[in-house]
Amino acid sequence: MHYRMSLTETKDGTVIEVYVKPNSPKFQVTVEGMEIVVHCTQEPTKGKVNKELIKNLSKLLHANVELVSGATSRKKRLLAKGKQKKEVEEDLFT
């Protein structure tokens, strides 16, 4: 599947590259073309989207998630600590 390009397994866990769409009606994870798109309900001010993203992905993946890069960008890289790529795929897309 094409979303695999957005997931990279490392020794610490799996890095997830996402594109964020703020101000969405509900939080959800979708695939559009070659990208994992995360629709966030918060507005992109004062780190609100980043907090929502980390909180909801942590719940969804049952893992500690941290922002690796993209704090002020719509393109973000997050690390799901201790999760293998296959586990992240299953949690996000099944």
N, C-alpha and C. Protein backbone atom coordinates (compact mmCIF):
# COMPACT_ATOMS: atom_id res chain seq x y z
N MET A 1 0.84 -1.19 0.00
CA MET A 1 0.00 0.00 0.00
C MET A 1 0.88 1.25 0.00
N HIS A 2 0.35 2.33 -0.51
CA HIS A 2 1.14 3.54 -0.68
C HIS A 2 1.45 4.27 0.61
N TYR A 3 0.69 4.06 1.69
CA TYR A 3 0.97 4.78 2.93
C TYR A 3 2.24 4.30 3.59
N ARG A 4 2.77 3.14 3.19
CA ARG A 4 3.97 2.61 3.80
C ARG A 4 5.15 3.56 3.64
N MET A 5 5.13 4.38 2.59
CA MET A 5 6.21 5.33 2.37
C MET A 5 6.28 6.36 3.50
N SER A 6 5.19 6.54 4.23
CA SER A 6 5.13 7.54 5.29
C SER A 6 5.50 6.95 6.65
N LEU A 7 5.86 5.68 6.69
CA LEU A 7 6.22 5.01 7.94
C LEU A 7 7.64 4.47 7.83
N THR A 8 8.48 4.78 8.82
CA THR A 8 9.86 4.32 8.83
C THR A 8 10.17 3.73 10.19
N GLU A 9 10.55 2.45 10.22
CA GLU A 9 10.88 1.81 11.48
C GLU A 9 12.31 2.18 11.88
N THR A 10 12.50 2.54 13.15
CA THR A 10 13.81 2.88 13.69
C THR A 10 14.05 2.03 14.94
N LYS A 11 15.22 2.17 15.54
CA LYS A 11 15.51 1.40 16.75
C LYS A 11 14.64 1.85 17.93
N ASP A 12 14.12 3.09 17.88
CA ASP A 12 13.30 3.63 18.96
C ASP A 12 11.81 3.41 18.76
N GLY A 13 11.40 3.05 17.56
CA GLY A 13 9.98 2.89 17.25
C GLY A 13 9.75 3.16 15.78
N THR A 14 8.58 3.69 15.45
CA THR A 14 8.25 3.98 14.05
C THR A 14 7.98 5.47 13.88
N VAL A 15 8.65 6.06 12.88
CA VAL A 15 8.43 7.46 12.55
C VAL A 15 7.30 7.53 11.54
N ILE A 16 6.33 8.38 11.83
CA ILE A 16 5.15 8.55 10.99
C ILE A 16 5.20 9.96 10.40
N GLU A 17 5.18 10.04 9.08
CA GLU A 17 5.13 11.34 8.42
C GLU A 17 3.68 11.62 8.04
N VAL A 18 3.16 12.76 8.49
CA VAL A 18 1.77 13.09 8.24
C VAL A 18 1.63 14.50 7.72
N TYR A 19 0.50 14.74 7.06
CA TYR A 19 0.09 16.09 6.66
C TYR A 19 -1.14 16.41 7.49
N VAL A 20 -1.13 17.55 8.15
CA VAL A 20 -2.21 17.90 9.07
C VAL A 20 -3.16 18.91 8.43
N LYS A 21 -4.46 18.65 8.57
CA LYS A 21 -5.49 19.59 8.14
C LYS A 21 -6.24 20.06 9.39
N PRO A 22 -5.92 21.27 9.87
CA PRO A 22 -6.59 21.78 11.08
C PRO A 22 -8.02 22.23 10.81
N ASN A 23 -8.74 22.55 11.88
CA ASN A 23 -10.11 23.06 11.80
C ASN A 23 -11.07 22.10 11.10
N SER A 24 -10.85 20.80 11.24
CA SER A 24 -11.73 19.80 10.63
C SER A 24 -12.89 19.51 11.57
N PRO A 25 -14.01 19.01 11.03
CA PRO A 25 -15.17 18.73 11.89
C PRO A 25 -14.89 17.66 12.95
N LYS A 26 -14.04 16.65 12.63
CA LYS A 26 -13.70 15.62 13.62
C LYS A 26 -12.29 15.13 13.37
N PHE A 27 -11.68 14.55 14.42
CA PHE A 27 -10.34 14.00 14.30
C PHE A 27 -10.43 12.68 13.56
N GLN A 28 -9.63 12.54 12.50
CA GLN A 28 -9.57 11.26 11.79
C GLN A 28 -8.28 11.17 10.99
N VAL A 29 -7.87 9.94 10.72
CA VAL A 29 -6.68 9.67 9.93
C VAL A 29 -7.13 9.06 8.60
N THR A 30 -6.68 9.65 7.49
CA THR A 30 -7.03 9.14 6.17
C THR A 30 -5.76 9.06 5.31
N VAL A 31 -5.90 8.45 4.15
CA VAL A 31 -4.81 8.40 3.18
C VAL A 31 -5.28 9.12 1.93
N GLU A 32 -4.50 10.09 1.49
CA GLU A 32 -4.81 10.83 0.26
C GLU A 32 -3.58 10.78 -0.62
N GLY A 33 -3.71 10.06 -1.74
CA GLY A 33 -2.56 9.91 -2.63
C GLY A 33 -1.46 9.14 -1.93
N MET A 34 -0.30 9.78 -1.77
CA MET A 34 0.85 9.14 -1.15
C MET A 34 1.04 9.56 0.31
N GLU A 35 0.09 10.31 0.88
CA GLU A 35 0.29 10.87 2.21
C GLU A 35 -0.73 10.36 3.22
N ILE A 36 -0.26 10.26 4.46
CA ILE A 36 -1.17 10.03 5.59
C ILE A 36 -1.63 11.42 6.01
N VAL A 37 -2.94 11.64 5.99
CA VAL A 37 -3.50 12.94 6.33
C VAL A 37 -4.25 12.81 7.65
N VAL A 38 -3.95 13.71 8.57
CA VAL A 38 -4.62 13.72 9.86
C VAL A 38 -5.47 14.98 9.94
N HIS A 39 -6.77 14.78 10.08
CA HIS A 39 -7.72 15.88 10.21
C HIS A 39 -7.87 16.19 11.69
N CYS A 40 -7.47 17.38 12.10
CA CYS A 40 -7.53 17.80 13.50
C CYS A 40 -8.63 18.83 13.68
N THR A 41 -9.28 18.83 14.83
CA THR A 41 -10.37 19.77 15.07
C THR A 41 -9.88 21.12 15.57
N GLN A 42 -8.69 21.16 16.13
CA GLN A 42 -8.17 22.40 16.71
C GLN A 42 -7.66 23.36 15.62
N GLU A 43 -7.53 24.62 16.01
CA GLU A 43 -6.96 25.61 15.11
C GLU A 43 -5.44 25.64 15.32
N PRO A 44 -4.69 26.02 14.29
CA PRO A 44 -3.23 25.95 14.37
C PRO A 44 -2.60 27.14 15.09
N THR A 45 -2.96 27.34 16.36
CA THR A 45 -2.37 28.41 17.15
C THR A 45 -1.93 27.87 18.50
N LYS A 46 -0.83 28.39 19.00
CA LYS A 46 -0.31 28.06 20.33
C LYS A 46 -0.13 26.56 20.54
N GLY A 47 0.20 25.82 19.48
CA GLY A 47 0.48 24.39 19.61
C GLY A 47 -0.74 23.52 19.85
N LYS A 48 -1.93 24.07 19.65
CA LYS A 48 -3.16 23.30 19.91
C LYS A 48 -3.25 22.05 19.03
N VAL A 49 -2.93 22.21 17.74
CA VAL A 49 -3.00 21.07 16.83
C VAL A 49 -1.99 20.01 17.23
N ASN A 50 -0.78 20.42 17.58
CA ASN A 50 0.25 19.45 17.98
C ASN A 50 -0.19 18.67 19.21
N LYS A 51 -0.78 19.34 20.19
CA LYS A 51 -1.26 18.66 21.40
C LYS A 51 -2.35 17.66 21.06
N GLU A 52 -3.31 18.07 20.21
CA GLU A 52 -4.39 17.17 19.81
C GLU A 52 -3.84 15.98 19.04
N LEU A 53 -2.91 16.23 18.15
CA LEU A 53 -2.30 15.19 17.33
C LEU A 53 -1.61 14.15 18.20
N ILE A 54 -0.78 14.60 19.12
CA ILE A 54 -0.04 13.69 19.99
C ILE A 54 -1.00 12.91 20.91
N LYS A 55 -1.96 13.60 21.49
CA LYS A 55 -2.92 12.95 22.40
C LYS A 55 -3.71 11.85 21.67
N ASN A 56 -4.28 12.18 20.51
CA ASN A 56 -5.13 11.22 19.81
C ASN A 56 -4.34 10.09 19.16
N LEU A 57 -3.16 10.39 18.62
CA LEU A 57 -2.35 9.31 18.04
C LEU A 57 -1.83 8.39 19.13
N SER A 58 -1.51 8.93 20.30
CA SER A 58 -1.07 8.09 21.42
C SER A 58 -2.16 7.10 21.80
N LYS A 59 -3.41 7.58 21.86
CA LYS A 59 -4.55 6.70 22.17
C LYS A 59 -4.75 5.65 21.08
N LEU A 60 -4.73 6.11 19.83
CA LEU A 60 -4.98 5.23 18.70
C LEU A 60 -3.91 4.14 18.56
N LEU A 61 -2.66 4.50 18.82
CA LEU A 61 -1.54 3.57 18.65
C LEU A 61 -1.17 2.83 19.93
N HIS A 62 -1.79 3.21 21.05
CA HIS A 62 -1.46 2.60 22.35
C HIS A 62 0.04 2.70 22.60
N ALA A 63 0.59 3.90 22.37
CA ALA A 63 2.03 4.13 22.51
C ALA A 63 2.29 5.57 22.88
N ASN A 64 3.49 5.81 23.39
CA ASN A 64 3.93 7.17 23.65
C ASN A 64 4.34 7.78 22.31
N VAL A 65 3.70 8.87 21.91
CA VAL A 65 4.00 9.52 20.62
C VAL A 65 4.60 10.89 20.91
N GLU A 66 5.68 11.20 20.19
CA GLU A 66 6.29 12.52 20.34
C GLU A 66 6.55 13.15 18.98
N LEU A 67 6.51 14.46 18.95
CA LEU A 67 6.76 15.22 17.73
C LEU A 67 8.26 15.27 17.48
N VAL A 68 8.69 14.80 16.30
CA VAL A 68 10.11 14.79 15.94
C VAL A 68 10.46 16.07 15.19
N SER A 69 9.60 16.46 14.24
CA SER A 69 9.83 17.69 13.48
C SER A 69 8.52 18.22 12.92
N GLY A 70 8.52 19.51 12.56
CA GLY A 70 7.35 20.11 11.95
C GLY A 70 6.43 20.81 12.93
N ALA A 71 6.97 21.30 14.03
CA ALA A 71 6.14 21.94 15.06
C ALA A 71 5.28 23.08 14.51
N THR A 72 5.80 23.82 13.54
CA THR A 72 5.05 24.95 12.99
C THR A 72 4.64 24.73 11.53
N SER A 73 4.74 23.49 11.08
CA SER A 73 4.41 23.15 9.69
C SER A 73 3.21 22.21 9.65
N ARG A 74 2.57 22.13 8.50
CA ARG A 74 1.49 21.14 8.35
C ARG A 74 2.05 19.76 8.09
N LYS A 75 3.29 19.68 7.62
CA LYS A 75 3.95 18.38 7.46
C LYS A 75 4.73 18.10 8.73
N LYS A 76 4.40 16.98 9.36
CA LYS A 76 4.99 16.65 10.65
C LYS A 76 5.55 15.23 10.64
N ARG A 77 6.55 15.02 11.48
CA ARG A 77 7.10 13.69 11.71
C ARG A 77 6.94 13.39 13.19
N LEU A 78 6.33 12.25 13.47
CA LEU A 78 6.08 11.84 14.85
C LEU A 78 6.69 10.47 15.08
N LEU A 79 7.14 10.22 16.30
CA LEU A 79 7.70 8.93 16.66
C LEU A 79 6.74 8.20 17.59
N ALA A 80 6.33 7.00 17.18
CA ALA A 80 5.55 6.11 18.04
C ALA A 80 6.56 5.21 18.73
N LYS A 81 6.88 5.53 19.99
CA LYS A 81 7.95 4.83 20.70
C LYS A 81 7.62 3.37 20.95
N GLY A 82 8.59 2.52 20.62
CA GLY A 82 8.46 1.09 20.89
C GLY A 82 7.50 0.34 19.98
N LYS A 83 6.98 0.99 18.95
CA LYS A 83 6.03 0.34 18.04
C LYS A 83 6.72 -0.04 16.74
N GLN A 84 6.48 -1.25 16.28
CA GLN A 84 6.99 -1.69 14.98
C GLN A 84 6.10 -1.14 13.88
N LYS A 85 6.66 -1.02 12.70
CA LYS A 85 5.93 -0.48 11.55
C LYS A 85 4.63 -1.24 11.30
N LYS A 86 4.70 -2.56 11.38
CA LYS A 86 3.51 -3.39 11.14
C LYS A 86 2.41 -3.07 12.16
N GLU A 87 2.79 -2.87 13.42
CA GLU A 87 1.81 -2.55 14.46
C GLU A 87 1.14 -1.20 14.19
N VAL A 88 1.94 -0.22 13.77
CA VAL A 88 1.39 1.12 13.46
C VAL A 88 0.42 1.02 12.31
N GLU A 89 0.79 0.28 11.25
CA GLU A 89 -0.10 0.10 10.11
C GLU A 89 -1.43 -0.50 10.54
N GLU A 90 -1.37 -1.53 11.38
CA GLU A 90 -2.60 -2.18 11.84
C GLU A 90 -3.46 -1.23 12.66
N ASP A 91 -2.83 -0.48 13.56
CA ASP A 91 -3.59 0.43 14.42
C ASP A 91 -4.21 1.59 13.63
N LEU A 92 -3.49 2.10 12.63
CA LEU A 92 -3.98 3.24 11.87
C LEU A 92 -5.00 2.87 10.79
N PHE A 93 -4.82 1.71 10.17
CA PHE A 93 -5.57 1.44 8.95
C PHE A 93 -6.47 0.23 8.99
N THR A 94 -6.72 -0.33 10.19
CA THR A 94 -7.67 -1.46 10.25
C THR A 94 -8.74 -1.18 11.28
